[in-house]
Protein backbone atom coordinates (compact mmCIF):
# COMPACT_ATOMS: atom_id res chain seq x y z
CA MET A 1 138.90 97.70 60.61
CA ASN A 2 142.21 98.87 59.12
CA ILE A 3 140.06 98.91 55.58
CA SER A 4 137.41 100.75 57.04
CA ASN A 5 140.31 103.18 58.87
CA SER A 6 141.97 103.37 55.22
CA ILE A 7 138.89 104.33 52.98
CA MET A 8 137.72 107.42 55.95
CA THR A 9 141.69 108.38 55.56
CA ALA A 10 141.37 108.71 51.34
CA ILE A 11 137.88 109.84 51.89
CA SER A 12 138.41 112.64 54.36
CA GLY A 13 141.73 113.73 52.50
CA GLY A 14 142.33 117.20 50.13
CA ASP A 15 142.74 114.19 46.92
CA ALA A 16 139.43 114.19 44.57
CA LEU A 17 140.50 110.81 43.27
CA LYS A 18 141.73 109.60 46.47
CA GLN A 19 138.24 110.68 47.71
CA ALA A 20 135.98 109.33 45.09
CA VAL A 21 138.31 105.70 44.97
CA GLY A 22 137.47 105.53 49.05
CA ILE A 23 133.78 106.41 48.39
CA GLU A 24 133.38 103.48 46.27
CA LEU A 25 135.16 101.60 48.31
CA LEU A 26 133.26 102.42 51.14
CA SER A 27 130.44 101.55 49.16
CA LYS A 28 131.63 98.30 48.05
CA ALA A 29 132.23 97.19 51.71
CA SER A 30 128.81 98.09 53.00
CA ASP A 31 127.42 96.47 50.16
CA MET A 32 129.21 93.13 51.18
CA GLN A 33 128.20 93.66 54.62
CA ALA A 34 124.82 93.74 54.12
CA SER A 35 124.81 90.89 51.93
CA SER A 36 126.95 88.67 54.60
CA SER A 37 124.19 89.47 56.81
CA SER A 38 121.69 88.70 54.84
CA THR A 39 122.79 84.93 54.27
CA LEU A 40 123.64 85.13 58.00
CA VAL A 41 119.80 85.76 58.49
CA GLN A 42 118.54 83.45 55.98
CA ASP A 43 120.73 80.33 57.25
CA PHE A 44 119.50 80.88 60.61
CA THR A 45 115.78 81.17 59.15
CA LYS A 46 116.36 77.90 57.85
CA SER A 47 117.78 76.18 60.69
CA GLN A 48 114.96 77.27 63.16
CA GLN A 49 112.85 75.71 60.57
CA LEU A 50 114.50 72.26 61.29
CA VAL A 51 113.88 72.54 65.17
CA THR A 52 110.57 71.00 66.00
CA ALA A 53 108.62 71.04 69.64
CA SER A 54 109.14 68.56 72.05
CA ALA A 55 107.34 65.83 72.35
CA THR A 56 106.97 65.66 76.54
CA PRO A 57 107.00 69.55 77.06
CA HIS A 58 106.40 68.91 80.66
CA LEU A 59 109.30 66.72 80.96
CA GLY A 60 112.02 68.33 83.09
CA GLY A 61 108.61 71.05 84.36
CA ASN A 62 109.44 69.18 88.02
CA LEU A 63 112.12 67.87 89.98
CA ASP A 64 111.59 65.24 92.56
CA ILE A 65 114.55 65.33 94.69
CA ARG A 66 115.58 62.79 98.02
CA ILE A 67 117.96 63.02 100.51
């Protein structure tokens, strides 16, 4: 995460302009991460709705092995 390191360096620096820009970039990066994770969860929820229960829930419950 080179971007995060650069942002944190700018925030901790002495220059007020760099600090302001670093804080704004950090805020945007945080918003982008939240948006991405929200999209990921929504897509997962949609895919889980398509999963149906097995018509034969007992299938595979027992194994008959003959030697």
